[in-house]
Amino acid sequence: MYHLTGRVLDLGFVGLSQFLPFLCLSLVAGHAADRYDRRRIILSCLAVVLLCALLLLEFARRGNGSILPIFAVMALLGTRARS
């Protein structure tokens, strides 16, 4: 991120974009962990991580100069369950 923008603040925004979804969805995630099959929850979390990795790979391959899609992927990555 720093290489794209040259601003240290954007590195902090990457952390914030991953932390806010985790904070907002923690109660919902706890309820889902108690209610649904945990193997499916883990599988869906791994699918989200794979999707995010492929999206970031595609952004890097294209050389897109915009940082908003990167923040969106980081927010999506923040929705997955933490181990």
PDB file of N, CA and C in Angstrom:
ATOM      1  N   MET A   1       0.830  -1.180   0.000  1.00  0.00           N
ATOM      2  CA  MET A   1       0.000   0.000   0.000  1.00  0.00           C
ATOM      3  C   MET A   1       0.880   1.251   0.000  1.00  0.00           C
ATOM      4  N   TYR A   2       1.929   1.208   0.802  1.00  0.00           N
ATOM      5  CA  TYR A   2       2.824   2.361   0.861  1.00  0.00           C
ATOM      6  C   TYR A   2       3.492   2.594  -0.495  1.00  0.00           C
ATOM      7  N   HIS A   3       3.780   1.519  -1.193  1.00  0.00           N
ATOM      8  CA  HIS A   3       4.399   1.644  -2.509  1.00  0.00           C
ATOM      9  C   HIS A   3       3.458   2.323  -3.509  1.00  0.00           C
ATOM     10  N   LEU A   4       2.155   2.082  -3.359  1.00  0.00           N
ATOM     11  CA  LEU A   4       1.184   2.689  -4.271  1.00  0.00           C
ATOM     12  C   LEU A   4       0.936   4.158  -3.970  1.00  0.00           C
ATOM     13  N   THR A   5       0.815   4.488  -2.681  1.00  0.00           N
ATOM     14  CA  THR A   5       0.389   5.844  -2.328  1.00  0.00           C
ATOM     15  C   THR A   5       1.500   6.717  -1.766  1.00  0.00           C
ATOM     16  N   GLY A   6       2.481   6.104  -1.116  1.00  0.00           N
ATOM     17  CA  GLY A   6       3.534   6.885  -0.478  1.00  0.00           C
ATOM     18  C   GLY A   6       3.098   7.508   0.836  1.00  0.00           C
ATOM     19  N   ARG A   7       1.938   7.089   1.359  1.00  0.00           N
ATOM     20  CA  ARG A   7       1.421   7.640   2.616  1.00  0.00           C
ATOM     21  C   ARG A   7       1.349   6.540   3.672  1.00  0.00           C
ATOM     22  N   VAL A   8       1.918   6.824   4.816  1.00  0.00           N
ATOM     23  CA  VAL A   8       1.909   5.872   5.920  1.00  0.00           C
ATOM     24  C   VAL A   8       0.495   5.711   6.476  1.00  0.00           C
ATOM     25  N   LEU A   9      -0.293   6.742   6.393  1.00  0.00           N
ATOM     26  CA  LEU A   9      -1.666   6.703   6.898  1.00  0.00           C
ATOM     27  C   LEU A   9      -2.486   5.603   6.217  1.00  0.00           C
ATOM     28  N   ASP A  10      -2.215   5.365   4.949  1.00  0.00           N
ATOM     29  CA  ASP A  10      -2.949   4.320   4.236  1.00  0.00           C
ATOM     30  C   ASP A  10      -2.649   2.932   4.796  1.00  0.00           C
ATOM     31  N   LEU A  11      -1.452   2.737   5.332  1.00  0.00           N
ATOM     32  CA  LEU A  11      -1.153   1.467   6.002  1.00  0.00           C
ATOM     33  C   LEU A  11      -2.038   1.284   7.228  1.00  0.00           C
ATOM     34  N   GLY A  12      -2.268   2.357   7.951  1.00  0.00           N
ATOM     35  CA  GLY A  12      -3.181   2.304   9.094  1.00  0.00           C
ATOM     36  C   GLY A  12      -4.610   2.046   8.668  1.00  0.00           C
ATOM     37  N   PHE A  13      -4.996   2.603   7.539  1.00  0.00           N
ATOM     38  CA  PHE A  13      -6.348   2.359   7.019  1.00  0.00           C
ATOM     39  C   PHE A  13      -6.543   0.910   6.604  1.00  0.00           C
ATOM     40  N   VAL A  14      -5.482   0.250   6.165  1.00  0.00           N
ATOM     41  CA  VAL A  14      -5.575  -1.180   5.843  1.00  0.00           C
ATOM     42  C   VAL A  14      -5.908  -1.968   7.110  1.00  0.00           C
ATOM     43  N   GLY A  15      -5.215  -1.672   8.192  1.00  0.00           N
ATOM     44  CA  GLY A  15      -5.513  -2.341   9.464  1.00  0.00           C
ATOM     45  C   GLY A  15      -6.916  -2.028   9.953  1.00  0.00           C
ATOM     46  N   LEU A  16      -7.318  -0.794   9.804  1.00  0.00           N
ATOM     47  CA  LEU A  16      -8.657  -0.394  10.228  1.00  0.00           C
ATOM     48  C   LEU A  16      -9.738  -1.060   9.378  1.00  0.00           C
ATOM     49  N   SER A  17      -9.493  -1.184   8.090  1.00  0.00           N
ATOM     50  CA  SER A  17     -10.482  -1.820   7.223  1.00  0.00           C
ATOM     51  C   SER A  17     -10.621  -3.307   7.514  1.00  0.00           C
ATOM     52  N   GLN A  18      -9.603  -3.916   8.118  1.00  0.00           N
ATOM     53  CA  GLN A  18      -9.718  -5.318   8.524  1.00  0.00           C
ATOM     54  C   GLN A  18     -10.315  -5.450   9.916  1.00  0.00           C
ATOM     55  N   PHE A  19     -10.094  -4.476  10.781  1.00  0.00           N
ATOM     56  CA  PHE A  19     -10.543  -4.587  12.161  1.00  0.00           C
ATOM     57  C   PHE A  19     -12.017  -4.228  12.329  1.00  0.00           C
ATOM     58  N   LEU A  20     -12.501  -3.224  11.619  1.00  0.00           N
ATOM     59  CA  LEU A  20     -13.890  -2.781  11.798  1.00  0.00           C
ATOM     60  C   LEU A  20     -14.924  -3.858  11.480  1.00  0.00           C
ATOM     61  N   PRO A  21     -14.798  -4.601  10.365  1.00  0.00           N
ATOM     62  CA  PRO A  21     -15.781  -5.680  10.149  1.00  0.00           C
ATOM     63  C   PRO A  21     -15.728  -6.742  11.240  1.00  0.00           C
ATOM     64  N   PHE A  22     -14.531  -7.047  11.713  1.00  0.00           N
ATOM     65  CA  PHE A  22     -14.384  -8.014  12.800  1.00  0.00           C
ATOM     66  C   PHE A  22     -15.098  -7.525  14.049  1.00  0.00           C
ATOM     67  N   LEU A  23     -14.940  -6.267  14.363  1.00  0.00           N
ATOM     68  CA  LEU A  23     -15.573  -5.693  15.543  1.00  0.00           C
ATOM     69  C   LEU A  23     -17.088  -5.673  15.400  1.00  0.00           C
ATOM     70  N   CYS A  24     -17.567  -5.288  14.236  1.00  0.00           N
ATOM     71  CA  CYS A  24     -19.015  -5.181  14.022  1.00  0.00           C
ATOM     72  C   CYS A  24     -19.710  -6.539  13.940  1.00  0.00           C
ATOM     73  N   LEU A  25     -19.016  -7.548  13.475  1.00  0.00           N
ATOM     74  CA  LEU A  25     -19.638  -8.852  13.271  1.00  0.00           C
ATOM     75  C   LEU A  25     -19.305  -9.888  14.337  1.00  0.00           C
ATOM     76  N   SER A  26     -18.651  -9.489  15.407  1.00  0.00           N
ATOM     77  CA  SER A  26     -18.223 -10.479  16.398  1.00  0.00           C
ATOM     78  C   SER A  26     -19.404 -11.154  17.103  1.00  0.00           C
ATOM     79  N   LEU A  27     -20.450 -10.428  17.414  1.00  0.00           N
ATOM     80  CA  LEU A  27     -21.607 -11.058  18.063  1.00  0.00           C
ATOM     81  C   LEU A  27     -22.341 -11.987  17.105  1.00  0.00           C
ATOM     82  N   VAL A  28     -22.461 -11.568  15.859  1.00  0.00           N
ATOM     83  CA  VAL A  28     -23.113 -12.411  14.857  1.00  0.00           C
ATOM     84  C   VAL A  28     -22.292 -13.671  14.621  1.00  0.00           C
ATOM     85  N   ALA A  29     -20.986 -13.538  14.598  1.00  0.00           N
ATOM     86  CA  ALA A  29     -20.116 -14.699  14.380  1.00  0.00           C
ATOM     87  C   ALA A  29     -20.204 -15.678  15.549  1.00  0.00           C
ATOM     88  N   GLY A  30     -20.307 -15.170  16.750  1.00  0.00           N
ATOM     89  CA  GLY A  30     -20.460 -16.046  17.912  1.00  0.00           C
ATOM     90  C   GLY A  30     -21.763 -16.820  17.862  1.00  0.00           C
ATOM     91  N   HIS A  31     -22.815 -16.149  17.472  1.00  0.00           N
ATOM     92  CA  HIS A  31     -24.103 -16.814  17.333  1.00  0.00           C
ATOM     93  C   HIS A  31     -24.059 -17.872  16.230  1.00  0.00           C
ATOM     94  N   ALA A  32     -23.423 -17.541  15.108  1.00  0.00           N
ATOM     95  CA  ALA A  32     -23.313 -18.497  14.000  1.00  0.00           C
ATOM     96  C   ALA A  32     -22.469 -19.700  14.398  1.00  0.00           C
ATOM     97  N   ALA A  33     -21.430 -19.484  15.188  1.00  0.00           N
ATOM     98  CA  ALA A  33     -20.579 -20.602  15.620  1.00  0.00           C
ATOM     99  C   ALA A  33     -21.347 -21.561  16.511  1.00  0.00           C
ATOM    100  N   ASP A  34     -22.279 -21.057  17.284  1.00  0.00           N
ATOM    101  CA  ASP A  34     -23.088 -21.925  18.140  1.00  0.00           C
ATOM    102  C   ASP A  34     -24.217 -22.601  17.380  1.00  0.00           C
ATOM    103  N   ARG A  35     -24.695 -21.983  16.338  1.00  0.00           N
ATOM    104  CA  ARG A  35     -25.890 -22.474  15.665  1.00  0.00           C
ATOM    105  C   ARG A  35     -25.605 -23.387  14.469  1.00  0.00           C
ATOM    106  N   TYR A  36     -24.540 -23.116  13.725  1.00  0.00           N
ATOM    107  CA  TYR A  36     -24.283 -23.821  12.473  1.00  0.00           C
ATOM    108  C   TYR A  36     -23.086 -24.754  12.599  1.00  0.00           C
ATOM    109  N   ASP A  37     -22.966 -25.651  11.622  1.00  0.00           N
ATOM    110  CA  ASP A  37     -21.876 -26.613  11.581  1.00  0.00           C
ATOM    111  C   ASP A  37     -20.548 -25.872  11.413  1.00  0.00           C
ATOM    112  N   ARG A  38     -19.631 -26.123  12.302  1.00  0.00           N
ATOM    113  CA  ARG A  38     -18.370 -25.377  12.284  1.00  0.00           C
ATOM    114  C   ARG A  38     -17.495 -25.730  11.099  1.00  0.00           C
ATOM    115  N   ARG A  39     -17.631 -26.936  10.581  1.00  0.00           N
ATOM    116  CA  ARG A  39     -16.859 -27.306   9.396  1.00  0.00           C
ATOM    117  C   ARG A  39     -17.267 -26.442   8.201  1.00  0.00           C
ATOM    118  N   ARG A  40     -18.551 -26.171   8.075  1.00  0.00           N
ATOM    119  CA  ARG A  40     -19.010 -25.305   6.984  1.00  0.00           C
ATOM    120  C   ARG A  40     -18.580 -23.856   7.202  1.00  0.00           C
ATOM    121  N   ILE A  41     -18.559 -23.440   8.448  1.00  0.00           N
ATOM    122  CA  ILE A  41     -18.103 -22.077   8.749  1.00  0.00           C
ATOM    123  C   ILE A  41     -16.627 -21.933   8.375  1.00  0.00           C
ATOM    124  N   ILE A  42     -15.825 -22.918   8.754  1.00  0.00           N
ATOM    125  CA  ILE A  42     -14.395 -22.874   8.423  1.00  0.00           C
ATOM    126  C   ILE A  42     -14.196 -22.932   6.915  1.00  0.00           C
ATOM    127  N   LEU A  43     -14.963 -23.772   6.241  1.00  0.00           N
ATOM    128  CA  LEU A  43     -14.858 -23.876   4.788  1.00  0.00           C
ATOM    129  C   LEU A  43     -15.221 -22.554   4.114  1.00  0.00           C
ATOM    130  N   SER A  44     -16.261 -21.905   4.605  1.00  0.00           N
ATOM    131  CA  SER A  44     -16.644 -20.615   4.021  1.00  0.00           C
ATOM    132  C   SER A  44     -15.584 -19.547   4.306  1.00  0.00           C
ATOM    133  N   CYS A  45     -14.987 -19.589   5.485  1.00  0.00           N
ATOM    134  CA  CYS A  45     -13.915 -18.628   5.802  1.00  0.00           C
ATOM    135  C   CYS A  45     -12.707 -18.842   4.900  1.00  0.00           C
ATOM    136  N   LEU A  46     -12.360 -20.098   4.659  1.00  0.00           N
ATOM    137  CA  LEU A  46     -11.246 -20.380   3.758  1.00  0.00           C
ATOM    138  C   LEU A  46     -11.569 -19.974   2.326  1.00  0.00           C
ATOM    139  N   ALA A  47     -12.828 -20.115   1.934  1.00  0.00           N
ATOM    140  CA  ALA A  47     -13.239 -19.675   0.604  1.00  0.00           C
ATOM    141  C   ALA A  47     -13.115 -18.153   0.477  1.00  0.00           C
ATOM    142  N   VAL A  48     -13.450 -17.428   1.538  1.00  0.00           N
ATOM    143  CA  VAL A  48     -13.306 -15.965   1.529  1.00  0.00           C
ATOM    144  C   VAL A  48     -11.840 -15.582   1.429  1.00  0.00           C
ATOM    145  N   VAL A  49     -10.977 -16.279   2.152  1.00  0.00           N
ATOM    146  CA  VAL A  49      -9.539 -15.988   2.087  1.00  0.00           C
ATOM    147  C   VAL A  49      -9.005 -16.267   0.681  1.00  0.00           C
ATOM    148  N   LEU A  50      -9.440 -17.371   0.075  1.00  0.00           N
ATOM    149  CA  LEU A  50      -9.015 -17.687  -1.290  1.00  0.00           C
ATOM    150  C   LEU A  50      -9.495 -16.626  -2.266  1.00  0.00           C
ATOM    151  N   LEU A  51     -10.747 -16.211  -2.140  1.00  0.00           N
ATOM    152  CA  LEU A  51     -11.282 -15.170  -3.010  1.00  0.00           C
ATOM    153  C   LEU A  51     -10.493 -13.868  -2.862  1.00  0.00           C
ATOM    154  N   CYS A  52     -10.201 -13.491  -1.634  1.00  0.00           N
ATOM    155  CA  CYS A  52      -9.437 -12.258  -1.405  1.00  0.00           C
ATOM    156  C   CYS A  52      -8.032 -12.355  -1.988  1.00  0.00           C
ATOM    157  N   ALA A  53      -7.401 -13.516  -1.836  1.00  0.00           N
ATOM    158  CA  ALA A  53      -6.064 -13.694  -2.393  1.00  0.00           C
ATOM    159  C   ALA A  53      -6.087 -13.607  -3.910  1.00  0.00           C
ATOM    160  N   LEU A  54      -7.093 -14.210  -4.527  1.00  0.00           N
ATOM    161  CA  LEU A  54      -7.195 -14.134  -5.986  1.00  0.00           C
ATOM    162  C   LEU A  54      -7.487 -12.725  -6.468  1.00  0.00           C
ATOM    163  N   LEU A  55      -8.318 -12.006  -5.732  1.00  0.00           N
ATOM    164  CA  LEU A  55      -8.598 -10.608  -6.096  1.00  0.00           C
ATOM    165  C   LEU A  55      -7.349  -9.742  -5.976  1.00  0.00           C
ATOM    166  N   LEU A  56      -6.596  -9.923  -4.898  1.00  0.00           N
ATOM    167  CA  LEU A  56      -5.366  -9.144  -4.733  1.00  0.00           C
ATOM    168  C   LEU A  56      -4.336  -9.512  -5.800  1.00  0.00           C
ATOM    169  N   LEU A  57      -4.288 -10.785  -6.158  1.00  0.00           N
ATOM    170  CA  LEU A  57      -3.391 -11.206  -7.236  1.00  0.00           C
ATOM    171  C   LEU A  57      -3.780 -10.534  -8.551  1.00  0.00           C
ATOM    172  N   GLU A  58      -5.061 -10.477  -8.818  1.00  0.00           N
ATOM    173  CA  GLU A  58      -5.532  -9.835 -10.048  1.00  0.00           C
ATOM    174  C   GLU A  58      -5.253  -8.330 -10.041  1.00  0.00           C
ATOM    175  N   PHE A  59      -5.428  -7.691  -8.896  1.00  0.00           N
ATOM    176  CA  PHE A  59      -5.108  -6.255  -8.796  1.00  0.00           C
ATOM    177  C   PHE A  59      -3.620  -6.027  -9.054  1.00  0.00           C
ATOM    178  N   ALA A  60      -2.780  -6.897  -8.510  1.00  0.00           N
ATOM    179  CA  ALA A  60      -1.339  -6.751  -8.707  1.00  0.00           C
ATOM    180  C   ALA A  60      -0.950  -7.031 -10.155  1.00  0.00           C
ATOM    181  N   ARG A  61      -1.606  -7.992 -10.767  1.00  0.00           N
ATOM    182  CA  ARG A  61      -1.301  -8.338 -12.150  1.00  0.00           C
ATOM    183  C   ARG A  61      -1.689  -7.214 -13.112  1.00  0.00           C
ATOM    184  N   ARG A  62      -2.825  -6.595 -12.854  1.00  0.00           N
ATOM    185  CA  ARG A  62      -3.289  -5.500 -13.715  1.00  0.00           C
ATOM    186  C   ARG A  62      -2.535  -4.204 -13.471  1.00  0.00           C
ATOM    187  N   GLY A  63      -2.007  -4.054 -12.271  1.00  0.00           N
ATOM    188  CA  GLY A  63      -1.320  -2.811 -11.953  1.00  0.00           C
ATOM    189  C   GLY A  63      -2.262  -1.646 -11.768  1.00  0.00           C
ATOM    190  N   ASN A  64      -3.460  -1.918 -11.252  1.00  0.00           N
ATOM    191  CA  ASN A  64      -4.451  -0.876 -11.034  1.00  0.00           C
ATOM    192  C   ASN A  64      -3.929   0.100  -9.987  1.00  0.00           C
ATOM    193  N   GLY A  65      -3.952   1.374 -10.292  1.00  0.00           N
ATOM    194  CA  GLY A  65      -3.433   2.377  -9.376  1.00  0.00           C
ATOM    195  C   GLY A  65      -4.406   2.794  -8.289  1.00  0.00           C
ATOM    196  N   SER A  66      -5.652   2.376  -8.378  1.00  0.00           N
ATOM    197  CA  SER A  66      -6.654   2.761  -7.392  1.00  0.00           C
ATOM    198  C   SER A  66      -6.504   1.914  -6.130  1.00  0.00           C
ATOM    199  N   ILE A  67      -6.661   2.551  -4.983  1.00  0.00           N
ATOM    200  CA  ILE A  67      -6.517   1.823  -3.719  1.00  0.00           C
ATOM    201  C   ILE A  67      -7.862   1.425  -3.118  1.00  0.00           C
ATOM    202  N   LEU A  68      -8.952   1.966  -3.613  1.00  0.00           N
ATOM    203  CA  LEU A  68     -10.266   1.633  -3.053  1.00  0.00           C
ATOM    204  C   LEU A  68     -10.619   0.153  -3.198  1.00  0.00           C
ATOM    205  N   PRO A  69     -10.345  -0.501  -4.331  1.00  0.00           N
ATOM    206  CA  PRO A  69     -10.620  -1.936  -4.390  1.00  0.00           C
ATOM    207  C   PRO A  69      -9.789  -2.743  -3.395  1.00  0.00           C
ATOM    208  N   ILE A  70      -8.595  -2.279  -3.119  1.00  0.00           N
ATOM    209  CA  ILE A  70      -7.754  -2.981  -2.143  1.00  0.00           C
ATOM    210  C   ILE A  70      -8.360  -2.866  -0.751  1.00  0.00           C
ATOM    211  N   PHE A  71      -8.852  -1.677  -0.411  1.00  0.00           N
ATOM    212  CA  PHE A  71      -9.518  -1.517   0.881  1.00  0.00           C
ATOM    213  C   PHE A  71     -10.781  -2.374   0.968  1.00  0.00           C
ATOM    214  N   ALA A  72     -11.503  -2.505  -0.128  1.00  0.00           N
ATOM    215  CA  ALA A  72     -12.702  -3.343  -0.136  1.00  0.00           C
ATOM    216  C   ALA A  72     -12.347  -4.808   0.097  1.00  0.00           C
ATOM    217  N   VAL A  73     -11.272  -5.266  -0.522  1.00  0.00           N
ATOM    218  CA  VAL A  73     -10.847  -6.654  -0.318  1.00  0.00           C
ATOM    219  C   VAL A  73     -10.369  -6.855   1.120  1.00  0.00           C
ATOM    220  N   MET A  74      -9.686  -5.883   1.667  1.00  0.00           N
ATOM    221  CA  MET A  74      -9.236  -5.991   3.053  1.00  0.00           C
ATOM    222  C   MET A  74     -10.421  -6.023   4.022  1.00  0.00           C
ATOM    223  N   ALA A  75     -11.462  -5.258   3.716  1.00  0.00           N
ATOM    224  CA  ALA A  75     -12.671  -5.294   4.547  1.00  0.00           C
ATOM    225  C   ALA A  75     -13.349  -6.661   4.432  1.00  0.00           C
ATOM    226  N   LEU A  76     -13.391  -7.211   3.234  1.00  0.00           N
ATOM    227  CA  LEU A  76     -13.934  -8.544   3.059  1.00  0.00           C
ATOM    228  C   LEU A  76     -13.115  -9.579   3.814  1.00  0.00           C
ATOM    229  N   LEU A  77     -11.816  -9.406   3.792  1.00  0.00           N
ATOM    230  CA  LEU A  77     -10.937 -10.307   4.537  1.00  0.00           C
ATOM    231  C   LEU A  77     -11.161 -10.163   6.036  1.00  0.00           C
ATOM    232  N   GLY A  78     -11.550  -8.995   6.490  1.00  0.00           N
ATOM    233  CA  GLY A  78     -11.841  -8.789   7.907  1.00  0.00           C
ATOM    234  C   GLY A  78     -13.120  -9.451   8.376  1.00  0.00           C
ATOM    235  N   THR A  79     -13.981  -9.872   7.434  1.00  0.00           N
ATOM    236  CA  THR A  79     -15.225 -10.527   7.837  1.00  0.00           C
ATOM    237  C   THR A  79     -15.031 -11.994   8.172  1.00  0.00           C
ATOM    238  N   ARG A  80     -13.931 -12.576   7.787  1.00  0.00           N
ATOM    239  CA  ARG A  80     -13.728 -13.996   8.062  1.00  0.00           C
ATOM    240  C   ARG A  80     -13.456 -14.209   9.547  1.00  0.00           C
ATOM    241  N   ALA A  81     -13.649 -15.431   9.977  1.00  0.00           N
ATOM    242  CA  ALA A  81     -13.459 -15.761  11.394  1.00  0.00           C
ATOM    243  C   ALA A  81     -11.975 -15.744  11.748  1.00  0.00           C
ATOM    244  N   ARG A  82     -11.675 -15.303  12.915  1.00  0.00           N
ATOM    245  CA  ARG A  82     -10.301 -15.307  13.417  1.00  0.00           C
ATOM    246  C   ARG A  82     -10.070 -16.594  14.204  1.00  0.00           C
ATOM    247  N   SER A  83      -8.866 -17.111  14.079  1.00  0.00           N
ATOM    248  CA  SER A  83      -8.569 -18.334  14.843  1.00  0.00           C
ATOM    249  C   SER A  83      -7.723 -18.016  16.050  1.00  0.00           C
TER     250      SER A  83
END
